[in-house]
Amino acid sequence: MLVLGIRRKFLHCPSTEREQAMHLYWRVIEELKFIGETWIFNDPSLARNFKHWVKKNADAINMMNRAETCPDSPIFALNGFPHSLN
């Protein structure tokens, strides 16, 4: 089991940096799910921010999940490379 933590100064960074950090957390979590790991958020504010980010980006996440089920689609690749290395 992995515990993902956060420092308090994260809450005071600009929203674009917060968005980028949430995207990074999401990618890490997806990779962990892929290898069968479980994870929890240790900090309630991180869990709240992540939940808000997932709701805000639900359409994009849905497209990414659809790309994994339809890997031959050219929409989800750039110059012949898929969106993920998995």
N, C-alpha and C. Protein backbone atom coordinates (compact mmCIF):
# COMPACT_ATOMS: atom_id res chain seq x y z
N MET A 1 0.84 -1.17 0.00
CA MET A 1 0.00 0.00 0.00
C MET A 1 0.89 1.24 0.00
N LEU A 2 0.54 2.21 -0.81
CA LEU A 2 1.29 3.45 -0.88
C LEU A 2 0.51 4.56 -0.20
N VAL A 3 1.20 5.42 0.47
CA VAL A 3 0.59 6.60 1.08
C VAL A 3 1.15 7.82 0.38
N LEU A 4 0.25 8.58 -0.24
CA LEU A 4 0.68 9.79 -0.95
C LEU A 4 0.49 10.98 -0.03
N GLY A 5 1.53 11.73 0.21
CA GLY A 5 1.47 12.87 1.12
C GLY A 5 1.65 14.18 0.39
N ILE A 6 1.51 15.26 1.13
CA ILE A 6 1.61 16.60 0.55
C ILE A 6 2.17 17.55 1.60
N ARG A 7 2.90 18.54 1.17
CA ARG A 7 3.34 19.58 2.08
C ARG A 7 2.32 20.71 2.06
N ARG A 8 2.21 21.41 3.15
CA ARG A 8 1.21 22.48 3.28
C ARG A 8 1.40 23.60 2.27
N LYS A 9 2.63 23.90 1.88
CA LYS A 9 2.85 25.01 0.96
C LYS A 9 2.22 24.74 -0.41
N PHE A 10 1.90 23.49 -0.70
CA PHE A 10 1.23 23.14 -1.96
C PHE A 10 -0.09 23.89 -2.10
N LEU A 11 -0.79 24.07 -0.99
CA LEU A 11 -2.11 24.71 -1.04
C LEU A 11 -2.03 26.17 -1.42
N HIS A 12 -0.84 26.78 -1.29
CA HIS A 12 -0.70 28.20 -1.58
C HIS A 12 -0.05 28.47 -2.93
N CYS A 13 0.23 27.46 -3.71
CA CYS A 13 0.84 27.69 -5.01
C CYS A 13 -0.24 28.08 -6.02
N PRO A 14 0.16 28.73 -7.12
CA PRO A 14 -0.81 29.16 -8.14
C PRO A 14 -1.60 27.98 -8.69
N SER A 15 -2.79 28.27 -9.17
CA SER A 15 -3.70 27.20 -9.62
C SER A 15 -3.12 26.40 -10.78
N THR A 16 -2.34 27.01 -11.66
CA THR A 16 -1.78 26.23 -12.77
C THR A 16 -0.79 25.18 -12.26
N GLU A 17 0.00 25.55 -11.26
CA GLU A 17 0.92 24.57 -10.68
C GLU A 17 0.15 23.47 -9.96
N ARG A 18 -0.93 23.85 -9.30
CA ARG A 18 -1.76 22.86 -8.62
C ARG A 18 -2.38 21.90 -9.63
N GLU A 19 -2.85 22.44 -10.75
CA GLU A 19 -3.43 21.60 -11.81
C GLU A 19 -2.39 20.62 -12.35
N GLN A 20 -1.19 21.10 -12.58
CA GLN A 20 -0.13 20.23 -13.08
C GLN A 20 0.22 19.15 -12.07
N ALA A 21 0.25 19.53 -10.80
CA ALA A 21 0.55 18.54 -9.75
C ALA A 21 -0.54 17.48 -9.67
N MET A 22 -1.80 17.90 -9.78
CA MET A 22 -2.91 16.94 -9.72
C MET A 22 -2.84 16.00 -10.92
N HIS A 23 -2.48 16.53 -12.09
CA HIS A 23 -2.34 15.67 -13.26
C HIS A 23 -1.23 14.65 -13.04
N LEU A 24 -0.13 15.09 -12.44
CA LEU A 24 0.97 14.18 -12.14
C LEU A 24 0.52 13.10 -11.16
N TYR A 25 -0.20 13.50 -10.10
CA TYR A 25 -0.72 12.51 -9.15
C TYR A 25 -1.63 11.51 -9.87
N TRP A 26 -2.49 12.01 -10.76
CA TRP A 26 -3.40 11.13 -11.48
C TRP A 26 -2.63 10.12 -12.32
N ARG A 27 -1.59 10.58 -13.03
CA ARG A 27 -0.79 9.67 -13.85
C ARG A 27 -0.10 8.61 -13.00
N VAL A 28 0.45 9.04 -11.86
CA VAL A 28 1.12 8.08 -10.96
C VAL A 28 0.12 7.05 -10.45
N ILE A 29 -1.05 7.52 -10.06
CA ILE A 29 -2.08 6.61 -9.55
C ILE A 29 -2.52 5.62 -10.63
N GLU A 30 -2.67 6.10 -11.86
CA GLU A 30 -3.04 5.21 -12.96
C GLU A 30 -1.96 4.15 -13.19
N GLU A 31 -0.71 4.55 -13.13
CA GLU A 31 0.38 3.59 -13.29
C GLU A 31 0.39 2.58 -12.15
N LEU A 32 0.12 3.04 -10.92
CA LEU A 32 0.07 2.13 -9.79
C LEU A 32 -1.09 1.14 -9.94
N LYS A 33 -2.23 1.62 -10.41
CA LYS A 33 -3.36 0.71 -10.65
C LYS A 33 -2.99 -0.34 -11.69
N PHE A 34 -2.24 0.08 -12.70
CA PHE A 34 -1.86 -0.82 -13.78
C PHE A 34 -1.02 -1.98 -13.26
N ILE A 35 -0.16 -1.72 -12.27
CA ILE A 35 0.68 -2.80 -11.72
C ILE A 35 0.06 -3.45 -10.50
N GLY A 36 -1.20 -3.09 -10.19
CA GLY A 36 -1.93 -3.76 -9.12
C GLY A 36 -1.68 -3.24 -7.72
N GLU A 37 -1.13 -2.04 -7.59
CA GLU A 37 -0.88 -1.46 -6.27
C GLU A 37 -2.12 -0.75 -5.75
N THR A 38 -2.23 -0.68 -4.44
CA THR A 38 -3.29 0.11 -3.82
C THR A 38 -2.67 1.39 -3.28
N TRP A 39 -3.47 2.42 -3.09
CA TRP A 39 -2.94 3.70 -2.64
C TRP A 39 -3.98 4.41 -1.79
N ILE A 40 -3.52 5.30 -0.93
CA ILE A 40 -4.41 6.15 -0.15
C ILE A 40 -3.78 7.54 -0.06
N PHE A 41 -4.62 8.54 0.12
CA PHE A 41 -4.14 9.89 0.38
C PHE A 41 -4.08 10.08 1.89
N ASN A 42 -2.97 10.53 2.38
CA ASN A 42 -2.77 10.73 3.81
C ASN A 42 -3.33 12.08 4.26
N ASP A 43 -3.29 13.06 3.40
CA ASP A 43 -3.71 14.42 3.74
C ASP A 43 -5.12 14.68 3.21
N PRO A 44 -6.07 15.09 4.07
CA PRO A 44 -7.45 15.33 3.61
C PRO A 44 -7.54 16.43 2.55
N SER A 45 -6.69 17.44 2.63
CA SER A 45 -6.76 18.51 1.64
C SER A 45 -6.31 18.01 0.26
N LEU A 46 -5.35 17.12 0.23
CA LEU A 46 -4.92 16.53 -1.04
C LEU A 46 -6.05 15.68 -1.62
N ALA A 47 -6.70 14.89 -0.79
CA ALA A 47 -7.81 14.07 -1.26
C ALA A 47 -8.93 14.95 -1.82
N ARG A 48 -9.23 16.05 -1.13
CA ARG A 48 -10.29 16.96 -1.58
C ARG A 48 -9.90 17.61 -2.90
N ASN A 49 -8.66 18.10 -3.01
CA ASN A 49 -8.21 18.73 -4.26
C ASN A 49 -8.19 17.74 -5.40
N PHE A 50 -7.77 16.51 -5.13
CA PHE A 50 -7.73 15.49 -6.18
C PHE A 50 -9.14 15.15 -6.66
N LYS A 51 -10.07 15.01 -5.72
CA LYS A 51 -11.46 14.72 -6.08
C LYS A 51 -12.04 15.85 -6.94
N HIS A 52 -11.76 17.09 -6.56
CA HIS A 52 -12.23 18.24 -7.34
C HIS A 52 -11.61 18.22 -8.74
N TRP A 53 -10.31 17.92 -8.84
CA TRP A 53 -9.64 17.88 -10.13
C TRP A 53 -10.22 16.78 -11.02
N VAL A 54 -10.50 15.61 -10.43
CA VAL A 54 -11.06 14.51 -11.21
C VAL A 54 -12.44 14.89 -11.74
N LYS A 55 -13.27 15.52 -10.92
CA LYS A 55 -14.60 15.95 -11.39
C LYS A 55 -14.47 16.98 -12.50
N LYS A 56 -13.54 17.91 -12.34
CA LYS A 56 -13.35 18.97 -13.33
C LYS A 56 -12.87 18.41 -14.67
N ASN A 57 -12.05 17.38 -14.63
CA ASN A 57 -11.45 16.81 -15.84
C ASN A 57 -12.03 15.46 -16.22
N ALA A 58 -13.25 15.20 -15.81
CA ALA A 58 -13.87 13.89 -16.05
C ALA A 58 -13.96 13.56 -17.55
N ASP A 59 -14.27 14.55 -18.38
CA ASP A 59 -14.37 14.28 -19.82
C ASP A 59 -13.03 13.87 -20.42
N ALA A 60 -11.97 14.56 -20.04
CA ALA A 60 -10.64 14.21 -20.55
C ALA A 60 -10.19 12.84 -20.04
N ILE A 61 -10.50 12.55 -18.78
CA ILE A 61 -10.15 11.24 -18.22
C ILE A 61 -10.91 10.14 -18.96
N ASN A 62 -12.16 10.40 -19.28
CA ASN A 62 -12.95 9.44 -20.03
C ASN A 62 -12.34 9.18 -21.41
N MET A 63 -11.85 10.24 -22.06
CA MET A 63 -11.20 10.06 -23.36
C MET A 63 -9.94 9.22 -23.23
N MET A 64 -9.17 9.44 -22.16
CA MET A 64 -7.95 8.65 -21.95
C MET A 64 -8.29 7.18 -21.72
N ASN A 65 -9.33 6.93 -20.95
CA ASN A 65 -9.74 5.54 -20.71
C ASN A 65 -10.24 4.90 -21.99
N ARG A 66 -10.93 5.67 -22.82
CA ARG A 66 -11.41 5.15 -24.10
C ARG A 66 -10.23 4.84 -25.02
N ALA A 67 -9.19 5.65 -24.94
CA ALA A 67 -8.00 5.42 -25.77
C ALA A 67 -7.34 4.10 -25.41
N GLU A 68 -7.39 3.73 -24.14
CA GLU A 68 -6.78 2.47 -23.73
C GLU A 68 -7.57 1.28 -24.25
N THR A 69 -8.88 1.43 -24.43
CA THR A 69 -9.69 0.33 -24.95
C THR A 69 -9.68 0.29 -26.47
N CYS A 70 -9.35 1.41 -27.12
CA CYS A 70 -9.26 1.49 -28.59
C CYS A 70 -7.88 2.00 -28.98
N PRO A 71 -6.83 1.22 -28.77
CA PRO A 71 -5.47 1.73 -28.99
C PRO A 71 -5.13 2.04 -30.44
N ASP A 72 -5.92 1.54 -31.39
CA ASP A 72 -5.60 1.78 -32.79
C ASP A 72 -6.11 3.12 -33.30
N SER A 73 -6.83 3.85 -32.47
CA SER A 73 -7.38 5.12 -32.89
C SER A 73 -6.27 6.16 -33.06
N PRO A 74 -6.20 6.83 -34.22
CA PRO A 74 -5.15 7.84 -34.41
C PRO A 74 -5.36 9.10 -33.58
N ILE A 75 -6.56 9.27 -33.04
CA ILE A 75 -6.86 10.46 -32.24
C ILE A 75 -5.99 10.51 -30.99
N PHE A 76 -5.69 9.36 -30.43
CA PHE A 76 -5.01 9.30 -29.14
C PHE A 76 -3.52 9.07 -29.27
N ALA A 77 -2.94 9.42 -30.40
CA ALA A 77 -1.50 9.27 -30.59
C ALA A 77 -0.95 10.53 -31.24
N LEU A 78 0.31 10.78 -31.00
CA LEU A 78 0.98 11.91 -31.62
C LEU A 78 2.23 11.39 -32.30
N ASN A 79 2.30 11.58 -33.60
CA ASN A 79 3.44 11.10 -34.39
C ASN A 79 3.66 9.60 -34.21
N GLY A 80 2.57 8.87 -34.06
CA GLY A 80 2.67 7.42 -33.94
C GLY A 80 2.95 6.91 -32.54
N PHE A 81 3.10 7.80 -31.57
CA PHE A 81 3.37 7.38 -30.20
C PHE A 81 2.10 7.49 -29.37
N PRO A 82 1.77 6.47 -28.58
CA PRO A 82 0.58 6.54 -27.73
C PRO A 82 0.78 7.53 -26.59
N HIS A 83 -0.32 7.86 -25.91
CA HIS A 83 -0.28 8.85 -24.83
C HIS A 83 0.47 8.35 -23.61
N SER A 84 0.64 7.05 -23.46
CA SER A 84 1.32 6.49 -22.30
C SER A 84 2.28 5.41 -22.76
N LEU A 85 3.25 5.11 -21.93
CA LEU A 85 4.22 4.07 -22.29
C LEU A 85 3.74 2.68 -21.92
N ASN A 86 2.57 2.56 -21.31
CA ASN A 86 2.05 1.24 -20.92
C ASN A 86 1.61 0.46 -22.12
